[in-house]
Amino acid sequence: MRKRLIILLVIIAVIGGLAVWFFNVPQRVGLVKSPTEKLLSATPDREASTALLADLRAAGVNTQGMELYVFPLNDSEGSVAAVVLDASAGFDFRSLGSETGVTQHLTPLAKLGQNEEYDIKRVAVAYKDTGGKTRLTLTAPTELIVKLADGSISLEQFLEDLEGEVNFAEVVKQAREGLE
């Protein structure tokens, strides 16, 4: 009887441990910072952000409603470019004149970011709707974006390695409202 109780307690402890790990309980209760919090708690490189934004304008990228932040990576060499495309501040995909609006913004950013001056390894994009709510977040390595732009990989291959989160219902709703 005692042996069964010990086995049951071990099984419960293992299941409990797996649940804590699976549901990221330490991060949710604030004991451990998530990778995103660790990255974004770093001080952005304001000079690199300003210079890169100016280079994008010079390359012909419409930067209205775009905020750009460059964060140095603490655990490795290089940086991450975080871009906020904010419709409430004037960003509009229709002004791009292309079906590939996000990649039209990402390609020059990735190409410029690969310069030694910036050494950007990854680009993260957040899209905010006209109400200021984030509806889409995407992230991809600069190398992958450049390969897509150069035709080295297909759009399908690019999408396989793209990471992100989309609130499809809200994006579709806003797209419909924009067409009316």
Protein backbone atom coordinates (compact mmCIF):
# COMPACT_ATOMS: atom_id res chain seq x y z
CA MET A 1 0.00 0.00 0.00
CA ARG A 2 2.77 2.39 0.96
CA LYS A 3 4.67 1.54 -2.23
CA ARG A 4 1.62 2.40 -4.36
CA LEU A 5 1.24 5.71 -2.57
CA ILE A 6 4.87 6.61 -3.27
CA ILE A 7 4.49 5.65 -6.94
CA LEU A 8 1.32 7.73 -7.19
CA LEU A 9 3.06 10.73 -5.61
CA VAL A 10 6.01 10.38 -8.03
CA ILE A 11 3.62 10.26 -10.99
CA ILE A 12 1.76 13.32 -9.71
CA ALA A 13 5.07 15.17 -9.19
CA VAL A 14 6.23 14.32 -12.74
CA ILE A 15 2.91 15.40 -14.26
CA GLY A 16 2.95 18.58 -12.16
CA GLY A 17 6.51 19.36 -13.24
CA LEU A 18 5.63 18.84 -16.90
CA ALA A 19 2.56 21.06 -16.53
CA VAL A 20 4.63 23.84 -14.93
CA TRP A 21 7.16 23.59 -17.77
CA PHE A 22 4.53 23.32 -20.55
CA PHE A 23 2.42 26.25 -19.35
CA ASN A 24 5.46 28.47 -18.59
CA VAL A 25 4.27 29.06 -15.03
CA PRO A 26 7.49 30.77 -13.85
CA GLN A 27 7.20 33.30 -16.71
CA ARG A 28 3.49 33.85 -16.16
CA VAL A 29 3.92 34.62 -12.46
CA GLY A 30 6.94 36.83 -13.10
CA LEU A 31 9.66 34.67 -11.59
CA VAL A 32 11.48 34.35 -14.92
CA LYS A 33 11.49 36.82 -17.83
CA SER A 34 10.35 35.51 -21.20
CA PRO A 35 12.84 35.76 -24.09
CA THR A 36 10.80 38.67 -25.47
CA GLU A 37 10.92 40.53 -22.15
CA LYS A 38 14.66 39.92 -21.89
CA LEU A 39 15.18 41.34 -25.38
CA LEU A 40 12.88 44.32 -25.01
CA SER A 41 14.16 45.20 -21.57
CA ALA A 42 17.53 45.93 -23.16
CA THR A 43 18.26 49.55 -24.00
CA PRO A 44 17.61 50.18 -27.69
CA ASP A 45 20.42 51.62 -29.78
CA ARG A 46 18.81 54.96 -30.59
CA GLU A 47 21.58 56.08 -32.94
CA ALA A 48 21.32 52.89 -35.00
CA SER A 49 17.51 53.17 -35.02
CA THR A 50 17.61 56.75 -36.28
CA ALA A 51 20.30 56.04 -38.89
CA LEU A 52 18.54 52.91 -40.17
CA LEU A 53 15.22 54.75 -40.46
CA ALA A 54 16.94 57.53 -42.44
CA ASP A 55 18.55 54.90 -44.70
CA LEU A 56 15.13 53.33 -45.30
CA ARG A 57 13.68 56.72 -46.29
CA ALA A 58 16.62 57.26 -48.63
CA ALA A 59 15.91 53.84 -50.18
CA GLY A 60 12.36 54.98 -50.95
CA VAL A 61 10.51 53.14 -48.18
CA ASN A 62 7.39 54.91 -46.94
CA THR A 63 8.04 55.29 -43.21
CA GLN A 64 4.84 57.10 -42.26
CA GLY A 65 3.36 55.32 -39.25
CA MET A 66 6.53 53.26 -38.81
CA GLU A 67 8.51 53.10 -35.60
CA LEU A 68 11.88 51.36 -35.66
CA TYR A 69 13.96 50.12 -32.75
CA VAL A 70 17.32 48.36 -32.84
CA PHE A 71 18.10 46.16 -29.85
CA PRO A 72 21.59 44.74 -29.36
CA LEU A 73 21.55 41.04 -28.49
CA ASN A 74 23.04 40.44 -25.06
CA ASP A 75 23.81 36.76 -25.48
CA SER A 76 25.37 36.93 -28.97
CA GLU A 77 26.71 39.30 -31.58
CA GLY A 78 24.33 41.34 -33.67
CA SER A 79 21.04 43.11 -33.16
CA VAL A 80 17.30 42.72 -33.68
CA ALA A 81 15.25 45.33 -35.53
CA ALA A 82 11.76 45.75 -34.11
CA VAL A 83 9.37 47.54 -36.46
CA VAL A 84 5.92 48.79 -35.52
CA LEU A 85 3.63 49.53 -38.47
CA ASP A 86 0.91 51.65 -36.87
CA ALA A 87 -2.24 52.39 -38.88
CA SER A 88 -3.40 54.80 -36.15
CA ALA A 89 -0.26 56.87 -36.87
CA GLY A 90 -0.78 56.86 -40.64
CA PHE A 91 0.63 53.56 -41.88
CA ASP A 92 -1.39 52.15 -44.78
CA PHE A 93 -0.60 48.99 -46.75
CA ARG A 94 -2.49 50.41 -49.74
CA SER A 95 0.06 53.22 -50.06
CA LEU A 96 2.67 50.62 -50.95
CA GLY A 97 1.03 49.72 -54.25
CA SER A 98 1.86 46.05 -53.83
CA GLU A 99 0.29 42.88 -52.54
CA THR A 100 3.49 42.10 -50.65
CA GLY A 101 3.47 45.15 -48.40
CA VAL A 102 5.17 43.60 -45.39
CA THR A 103 7.95 42.05 -47.46
CA GLN A 104 8.31 45.35 -49.32
CA HIS A 105 9.17 46.92 -45.95
CA LEU A 106 11.21 43.99 -44.69
CA THR A 107 13.48 43.56 -47.71
CA PRO A 108 15.25 46.95 -47.61
CA LEU A 109 15.39 46.72 -43.83
CA ALA A 110 16.99 43.27 -43.96
CA LYS A 111 19.45 44.25 -46.70
CA LEU A 112 20.50 47.44 -44.92
CA GLY A 113 20.53 45.65 -41.59
CA GLN A 114 23.04 43.10 -42.76
CA ASN A 115 25.66 45.86 -43.14
CA GLU A 116 28.38 45.71 -40.50
CA GLU A 117 27.20 49.08 -39.23
CA TYR A 118 23.94 47.55 -37.97
CA ASP A 119 24.59 43.76 -37.95
CA ILE A 120 20.88 42.94 -37.65
CA LYS A 121 20.29 39.21 -37.40
CA ARG A 122 16.50 39.23 -37.08
CA VAL A 123 13.58 41.51 -37.93
CA ALA A 124 10.39 41.59 -35.89
CA VAL A 125 7.29 43.37 -37.18
CA ALA A 126 4.13 44.33 -35.30
CA TYR A 127 1.09 45.75 -37.09
CA LYS A 128 -1.29 47.95 -35.12
CA ASP A 129 -4.78 48.70 -36.44
CA THR A 130 -6.45 52.13 -36.53
CA GLY A 131 -7.51 51.62 -32.92
CA GLY A 132 -3.90 51.06 -31.84
CA LYS A 133 -4.35 47.33 -31.09
CA THR A 134 -1.68 44.89 -32.24
CA ARG A 135 -3.19 42.51 -34.78
CA LEU A 136 -0.15 40.86 -36.30
CA THR A 137 3.38 40.07 -35.16
CA LEU A 138 5.95 38.43 -37.39
CA THR A 139 9.63 37.70 -37.07
CA ALA A 140 12.22 36.29 -39.45
CA PRO A 141 16.00 36.16 -39.77
CA THR A 142 17.41 38.85 -42.08
CA GLU A 143 19.16 36.14 -44.08
CA LEU A 144 15.81 34.49 -44.86
CA ILE A 145 14.22 37.80 -45.94
CA VAL A 146 17.12 38.56 -48.28
CA LYS A 147 16.90 35.06 -49.79
CA LEU A 148 13.21 35.62 -50.52
CA ALA A 149 13.95 39.00 -52.12
CA ASP A 150 16.77 37.55 -54.25
CA GLY A 151 14.58 34.65 -55.38
CA SER A 152 16.83 32.06 -53.69
CA ILE A 153 13.81 30.65 -51.88
CA SER A 154 10.11 30.58 -52.67
CA LEU A 155 7.40 32.36 -50.72
CA GLU A 156 6.28 28.97 -49.39
CA GLN A 157 9.78 28.24 -48.06
CA PHE A 158 9.88 31.69 -46.49
CA LEU A 159 6.51 31.17 -44.81
CA GLU A 160 7.66 27.83 -43.36
CA ASP A 161 10.38 29.58 -41.35
CA LEU A 162 8.43 32.73 -40.55
CA GLU A 163 7.29 32.98 -36.95
CA GLY A 164 4.37 35.03 -35.80
CA GLU A 165 0.93 35.46 -34.39
CA VAL A 166 -2.14 36.76 -36.19
CA ASN A 167 -5.57 37.70 -34.93
CA PHE A 168 -7.23 36.58 -38.18
CA ALA A 169 -10.75 37.61 -37.22
CA GLU A 170 -9.74 41.19 -36.48
CA VAL A 171 -7.43 41.46 -39.51
CA VAL A 172 -10.20 40.25 -41.85
CA LYS A 173 -12.73 42.55 -40.15
CA GLN A 174 -10.46 45.57 -40.61
CA ALA A 175 -9.70 44.62 -44.22
CA ARG A 176 -13.42 44.45 -44.97
CA GLU A 177 -14.01 47.82 -43.34
CA GLY A 178 -11.21 49.29 -45.45
CA LEU A 179 -12.82 48.03 -48.66
CA GLU A 180 -16.23 49.55 -47.87
